[in-house]
C-alpha atoms as a PDB file:
ATOM      1  CA  GLN A   1      29.891 163.568  70.251  1.00  0.00           C
ATOM      2  CA  SER A   2      30.669 160.290  68.599  1.00  0.00           C
ATOM      3  CA  ASP A   3      33.696 159.307  66.516  1.00  0.00           C
ATOM      4  CA  PRO A   4      33.428 155.841  64.929  1.00  0.00           C
ATOM      5  CA  LEU A   5      37.228 155.626  64.577  1.00  0.00           C
ATOM      6  CA  VAL A   6      37.852 155.889  68.331  1.00  0.00           C
ATOM      7  CA  GLN A   7      37.758 152.899  70.655  1.00  0.00           C
ATOM      8  CA  THR A   8      37.731 153.021  74.432  1.00  0.00           C
ATOM      9  CA  ILE A   9      38.796 150.073  76.541  1.00  0.00           C
ATOM     10  CA  HIS A  10      38.698 149.814  80.329  1.00  0.00           C
ATOM     11  CA  SER A  11      41.537 147.849  81.940  1.00  0.00           C
ATOM     12  CA  ASP A  12      40.379 146.134  85.136  1.00  0.00           C
ATOM     13  CA  ALA A  13      43.999 145.376  86.021  1.00  0.00           C
ATOM     14  CA  THR A  14      45.142 149.020  86.074  1.00  0.00           C
ATOM     15  CA  GLY A  15      41.844 150.890  86.361  1.00  0.00           C
ATOM     16  CA  GLU A  16      42.743 152.908  83.258  1.00  0.00           C
ATOM     17  CA  ASP A  17      40.437 153.851  80.441  1.00  0.00           C
ATOM     18  CA  ILE A  18      42.391 153.483  77.196  1.00  0.00           C
ATOM     19  CA  VAL A  19      41.538 155.560  74.141  1.00  0.00           C
ATOM     20  CA  ALA A  20      42.628 154.135  70.775  1.00  0.00           C
ATOM     21  CA  GLY A  21      42.483 156.117  67.544  1.00  0.00           C
ATOM     22  CA  CYS A  22      43.984 156.569  64.105  1.00  0.00           C
ATOM     23  CA  GLY A  23      47.260 158.230  64.982  1.00  0.00           C
ATOM     24  CA  GLU A  24      48.764 160.847  67.245  1.00  0.00           C
ATOM     25  CA  LEU A  25      47.010 163.895  65.757  1.00  0.00           C
ATOM     26  CA  HIS A  26      43.640 162.153  65.848  1.00  0.00           C
ATOM     27  CA  LEU A  27      44.133 161.270  69.522  1.00  0.00           C
ATOM     28  CA  GLN A  28      45.273 164.825  70.356  1.00  0.00           C
ATOM     29  CA  VAL A  29      42.008 166.189  68.953  1.00  0.00           C
ATOM     30  CA  CYS A  30      39.979 163.568  70.845  1.00  0.00           C
ATOM     31  CA  ILE A  31      41.799 164.328  74.123  1.00  0.00           C
ATOM     32  CA  LYS A  32      41.249 168.077  73.605  1.00  0.00           C
ATOM     33  CA  ASP A  33      37.516 167.515  73.084  1.00  0.00           C
ATOM     34  CA  LEU A  34      37.332 165.155  76.062  1.00  0.00           C
ATOM     35  CA  ARG A  35      39.174 167.635  78.309  1.00  0.00           C
ATOM     36  CA  GLY A  36      36.695 170.375  77.350  1.00  0.00           C
ATOM     37  CA  PHE A  37      33.728 168.104  78.023  1.00  0.00           C
ATOM     38  CA  LEU A  38      35.061 166.989  81.418  1.00  0.00           C
ATOM     39  CA  LYS A  39      36.090 170.527  82.408  1.00  0.00           C
ATOM     40  CA  SER A  40      32.513 171.713  81.906  1.00  0.00           C
ATOM     41  CA  ALA A  41      31.431 168.898  84.249  1.00  0.00           C
ATOM     42  CA  GLY A  42      34.041 169.910  86.859  1.00  0.00           C
ATOM     43  CA  LYS A  43      36.245 166.861  86.257  1.00  0.00           C
ATOM     44  CA  ALA A  44      39.939 166.576  85.418  1.00  0.00           C
ATOM     45  CA  LEU A  45      41.623 164.320  82.848  1.00  0.00           C
ATOM     46  CA  VAL A  46      44.967 162.614  83.427  1.00  0.00           C
ATOM     47  CA  VAL A  47      46.763 161.614  80.222  1.00  0.00           C
ATOM     48  CA  SER A  48      49.855 159.406  80.076  1.00  0.00           C
ATOM     49  CA  GLU A  49      52.387 159.119  77.276  1.00  0.00           C
ATOM     50  CA  PRO A  50      50.962 157.214  74.322  1.00  0.00           C
ATOM     51  CA  ALA A  51      51.826 153.558  73.852  1.00  0.00           C
ATOM     52  CA  VAL A  52      51.857 152.485  70.234  1.00  0.00           C
ATOM     53  CA  SER A  53      51.489 148.813  69.434  1.00  0.00           C
ATOM     54  CA  PHE A  54      52.195 147.557  65.958  1.00  0.00           C
ATOM     55  CA  ARG A  55      50.373 144.441  64.887  1.00  0.00           C
ATOM     56  CA  GLU A  56      51.120 144.209  61.216  1.00  0.00           C
ATOM     57  CA  ALA A  57      52.784 141.139  59.772  1.00  0.00           C
ATOM     58  CA  ILE A  58      53.332 139.358  56.514  1.00  0.00           C
ATOM     59  CA  ALA A  59      52.048 135.816  56.771  1.00  0.00           C
ATOM     60  CA  GLY A  60      53.231 134.568  53.386  1.00  0.00           C
ATOM     61  CA  GLU A  61      54.735 135.529  50.069  1.00  0.00           C
ATOM     62  CA  THR A  62      52.788 137.993  47.921  1.00  0.00           C
ATOM     63  CA  SER A  63      51.395 136.588  44.707  1.00  0.00           C
ATOM     64  CA  GLU A  64      52.204 139.694  42.682  1.00  0.00           C
ATOM     65  CA  ASP A  65      54.297 142.832  42.955  1.00  0.00           C
ATOM     66  CA  ALA A  66      52.741 146.051  44.201  1.00  0.00           C
ATOM     67  CA  VAL A  67      53.458 149.116  42.059  1.00  0.00           C
ATOM     68  CA  ALA A  68      53.296 152.737  43.183  1.00  0.00           C
ATOM     69  CA  LYS A  69      53.753 155.713  40.861  1.00  0.00           C
ATOM     70  CA  SER A  70      54.927 159.189  41.770  1.00  0.00           C
ATOM     71  CA  ALA A  71      52.638 162.184  41.275  1.00  0.00           C
ATOM     72  CA  ASN A  72      54.362 163.096  38.001  1.00  0.00           C
ATOM     73  CA  LYS A  73      54.237 159.415  36.896  1.00  0.00           C
ATOM     74  CA  LEU A  74      57.958 159.418  36.071  1.00  0.00           C
ATOM     75  CA  ASN A  75      58.987 157.235  39.013  1.00  0.00           C
ATOM     76  CA  ARG A  76      57.719 153.806  39.987  1.00  0.00           C
ATOM     77  CA  ILE A  77      58.323 151.626  42.999  1.00  0.00           C
ATOM     78  CA  HIS A  78      57.869 147.875  42.736  1.00  0.00           C
ATOM     79  CA  ALA A  79      57.494 145.909  45.977  1.00  0.00           C
ATOM     80  CA  HIS A  80      57.427 142.206  46.697  1.00  0.00           C
ATOM     81  CA  ALA A  81      56.906 140.905  50.242  1.00  0.00           C
ATOM     82  CA  GLU A  82      57.557 137.658  52.034  1.00  0.00           C
ATOM     83  CA  ALA A  83      57.814 136.648  55.671  1.00  0.00           C
ATOM     84  CA  MET A  84      61.215 136.872  57.359  1.00  0.00           C
ATOM     85  CA  PRO A  85      62.857 133.652  58.549  1.00  0.00           C
ATOM     86  CA  SER A  86      62.127 132.975  62.226  1.00  0.00           C
ATOM     87  CA  ASP A  87      65.829 133.175  63.202  1.00  0.00           C
ATOM     88  CA  LEU A  88      66.010 136.696  61.730  1.00  0.00           C
ATOM     89  CA  VAL A  89      62.888 137.723  63.666  1.00  0.00           C
ATOM     90  CA  LYS A  90      64.465 136.392  66.878  1.00  0.00           C
ATOM     91  CA  ALA A  91      67.737 138.236  66.152  1.00  0.00           C
ATOM     92  CA  ILE A  92      65.863 141.515  65.661  1.00  0.00           C
ATOM     93  CA  SER A  93      63.649 141.012  68.725  1.00  0.00           C
ATOM     94  CA  ASP A  94      66.500 140.030  71.046  1.00  0.00           C
ATOM     95  CA  PRO A  95      69.891 141.288  69.807  1.00  0.00           C
ATOM     96  CA  ALA A  96      71.641 139.628  72.777  1.00  0.00           C
ATOM     97  CA  ALA A  97      70.435 136.161  71.799  1.00  0.00           C
ATOM     98  CA  PRO A  98      72.907 133.897  69.993  1.00  0.00           C
ATOM     99  CA  SER A  99      72.215 133.737  66.284  1.00  0.00           C
ATOM    100  CA  ALA A 100      73.281 131.688  63.288  1.00  0.00           C
ATOM    101  CA  LEU A 101      73.093 134.864  61.192  1.00  0.00           C
ATOM    102  CA  GLY A 102      76.585 136.028  62.133  1.00  0.00           C
ATOM    103  CA  ASP A 103      77.671 139.384  63.521  1.00  0.00           C
END
């Protein structure tokens, strides 16, 4: 079976085969299918805890506000985004580091 939303990567450093998908439920289904396939071939599957890496960032200020409406169209959310100052990013990443932001 083939799922275009699943990626597999082999790590030469650890010898692991990494399966990447579109969320926890998606990966659970893929692992279940893979276990069934390997079981029929007499093989076992070892699964570790998932590691989630976030790679989203805002590179600059948005040119216009984003608007979202509720299902009943009575509520609206307006959002404007801009990148955080680098000293704030450092303070969040390493709370022990000295900061000019204050305590």
